[in-house]
Amino acid sequence: MDASLLDLVCCPETHQSLRFATADELTRLTGMPPLEAALLREDGRVAYPIRDGIPLLIVEEQLKLA
């Protein structure tokens, strides 16, 4: 995903801004195998996975940080 697109997307649930998750944050995501990339919500509570370069901005796809 192109970083310039971050200005155009937001959390579908709370409308908070999103940023790329760090490597440490990726290891703390619960509910699925390790991801290569994800978008973390501004409050740091949930992330949305990025698969094949496409962010899955669907509430049902959100992952909690442990």
C-alpha atoms as a PDB file:
ATOM      1  CA  MET A   1       0.000   0.000   0.000  1.00  0.00           C
ATOM      2  CA  ASP A   2       1.278   3.447  -0.899  1.00  0.00           C
ATOM      3  CA  ALA A   3       1.909   5.631   2.169  1.00  0.00           C
ATOM      4  CA  SER A   4       0.349   8.643   0.440  1.00  0.00           C
ATOM      5  CA  LEU A   5      -3.022   6.853   0.584  1.00  0.00           C
ATOM      6  CA  LEU A   6      -3.073   6.996   4.397  1.00  0.00           C
ATOM      7  CA  ASP A   7      -4.518  10.506   4.161  1.00  0.00           C
ATOM      8  CA  LEU A   8      -7.540   9.059   2.363  1.00  0.00           C
ATOM      9  CA  VAL A   9      -8.446   6.145   4.638  1.00  0.00           C
ATOM     10  CA  CYS A  10      -9.732   5.909   8.190  1.00  0.00           C
ATOM     11  CA  CYS A  11     -11.107   3.339  10.598  1.00  0.00           C
ATOM     12  CA  PRO A  12     -14.551   2.280   9.329  1.00  0.00           C
ATOM     13  CA  GLU A  13     -15.845   1.965  12.890  1.00  0.00           C
ATOM     14  CA  THR A  14     -14.568   5.101  14.677  1.00  0.00           C
ATOM     15  CA  HIS A  15     -13.270   7.206  11.757  1.00  0.00           C
ATOM     16  CA  GLN A  16      -9.919   7.630  13.537  1.00  0.00           C
ATOM     17  CA  SER A  17      -6.823   8.020  11.411  1.00  0.00           C
ATOM     18  CA  LEU A  18      -4.631   5.008  10.613  1.00  0.00           C
ATOM     19  CA  ARG A  19      -0.883   4.467  10.381  1.00  0.00           C
ATOM     20  CA  PHE A  20       1.377   1.574   9.464  1.00  0.00           C
ATOM     21  CA  ALA A  21       1.965  -0.798  12.387  1.00  0.00           C
ATOM     22  CA  THR A  22       5.549  -1.281  13.511  1.00  0.00           C
ATOM     23  CA  ALA A  23       7.207  -4.714  13.522  1.00  0.00           C
ATOM     24  CA  ASP A  24       6.722  -4.909  17.308  1.00  0.00           C
ATOM     25  CA  GLU A  25       3.029  -4.056  17.005  1.00  0.00           C
ATOM     26  CA  LEU A  26       2.561  -6.692  14.302  1.00  0.00           C
ATOM     27  CA  THR A  27       3.826  -9.371  16.685  1.00  0.00           C
ATOM     28  CA  ARG A  28       1.266  -8.267  19.304  1.00  0.00           C
ATOM     29  CA  LEU A  29      -1.776  -8.694  17.073  1.00  0.00           C
ATOM     30  CA  THR A  30      -4.121 -11.410  18.267  1.00  0.00           C
ATOM     31  CA  GLY A  31      -6.417 -13.704  16.382  1.00  0.00           C
ATOM     32  CA  MET A  32      -4.326 -14.726  13.397  1.00  0.00           C
ATOM     33  CA  PRO A  33      -0.876 -15.794  12.194  1.00  0.00           C
ATOM     34  CA  PRO A  34       1.797 -13.072  11.983  1.00  0.00           C
ATOM     35  CA  LEU A  35       1.181 -10.440   9.325  1.00  0.00           C
ATOM     36  CA  GLU A  36       3.658  -8.648   7.102  1.00  0.00           C
ATOM     37  CA  ALA A  37       1.735  -5.361   7.301  1.00  0.00           C
ATOM     38  CA  ALA A  38      -1.262  -3.763   8.988  1.00  0.00           C
ATOM     39  CA  LEU A  39      -2.795  -0.363   9.601  1.00  0.00           C
ATOM     40  CA  LEU A  40      -3.058   0.603  13.259  1.00  0.00           C
ATOM     41  CA  ARG A  41      -5.878   2.814  14.492  1.00  0.00           C
ATOM     42  CA  GLU A  42      -4.910   6.116  16.131  1.00  0.00           C
ATOM     43  CA  ASP A  43      -5.862   4.889  19.622  1.00  0.00           C
ATOM     44  CA  GLY A  44      -3.603   1.826  19.202  1.00  0.00           C
ATOM     45  CA  ARG A  45      -6.292  -0.671  20.163  1.00  0.00           C
ATOM     46  CA  VAL A  46      -6.977  -2.372  16.828  1.00  0.00           C
ATOM     47  CA  ALA A  47      -5.351  -2.883  13.470  1.00  0.00           C
ATOM     48  CA  TYR A  48      -6.561  -3.793  10.024  1.00  0.00           C
ATOM     49  CA  PRO A  49      -4.535  -6.354   8.060  1.00  0.00           C
ATOM     50  CA  ILE A  50      -2.972  -5.558   4.710  1.00  0.00           C
ATOM     51  CA  ARG A  51      -3.040  -8.541   2.353  1.00  0.00           C
ATOM     52  CA  ASP A  52      -1.457  -8.446  -1.092  1.00  0.00           C
ATOM     53  CA  GLY A  53      -1.028  -4.688  -0.673  1.00  0.00           C
ATOM     54  CA  ILE A  54      -4.726  -4.118   0.011  1.00  0.00           C
ATOM     55  CA  PRO A  55      -5.894  -2.920   3.444  1.00  0.00           C
ATOM     56  CA  LEU A  56      -8.937  -4.828   4.691  1.00  0.00           C
ATOM     57  CA  LEU A  57     -10.861  -1.933   6.200  1.00  0.00           C
ATOM     58  CA  ILE A  58     -13.793  -4.006   7.388  1.00  0.00           C
ATOM     59  CA  VAL A  59     -14.865  -3.994  11.038  1.00  0.00           C
ATOM     60  CA  GLU A  60     -15.071  -7.798  11.066  1.00  0.00           C
ATOM     61  CA  GLU A  61     -11.415  -7.997   9.954  1.00  0.00           C
ATOM     62  CA  GLN A  62     -10.008  -5.802  12.750  1.00  0.00           C
ATOM     63  CA  LEU A  63      -7.449  -7.363  15.071  1.00  0.00           C
ATOM     64  CA  LYS A  64      -6.901  -6.471  18.717  1.00  0.00           C
ATOM     65  CA  LEU A  65      -3.449  -5.666  20.081  1.00  0.00           C
ATOM     66  CA  ALA A  66      -2.408  -7.807  23.039  1.00  0.00           C
END
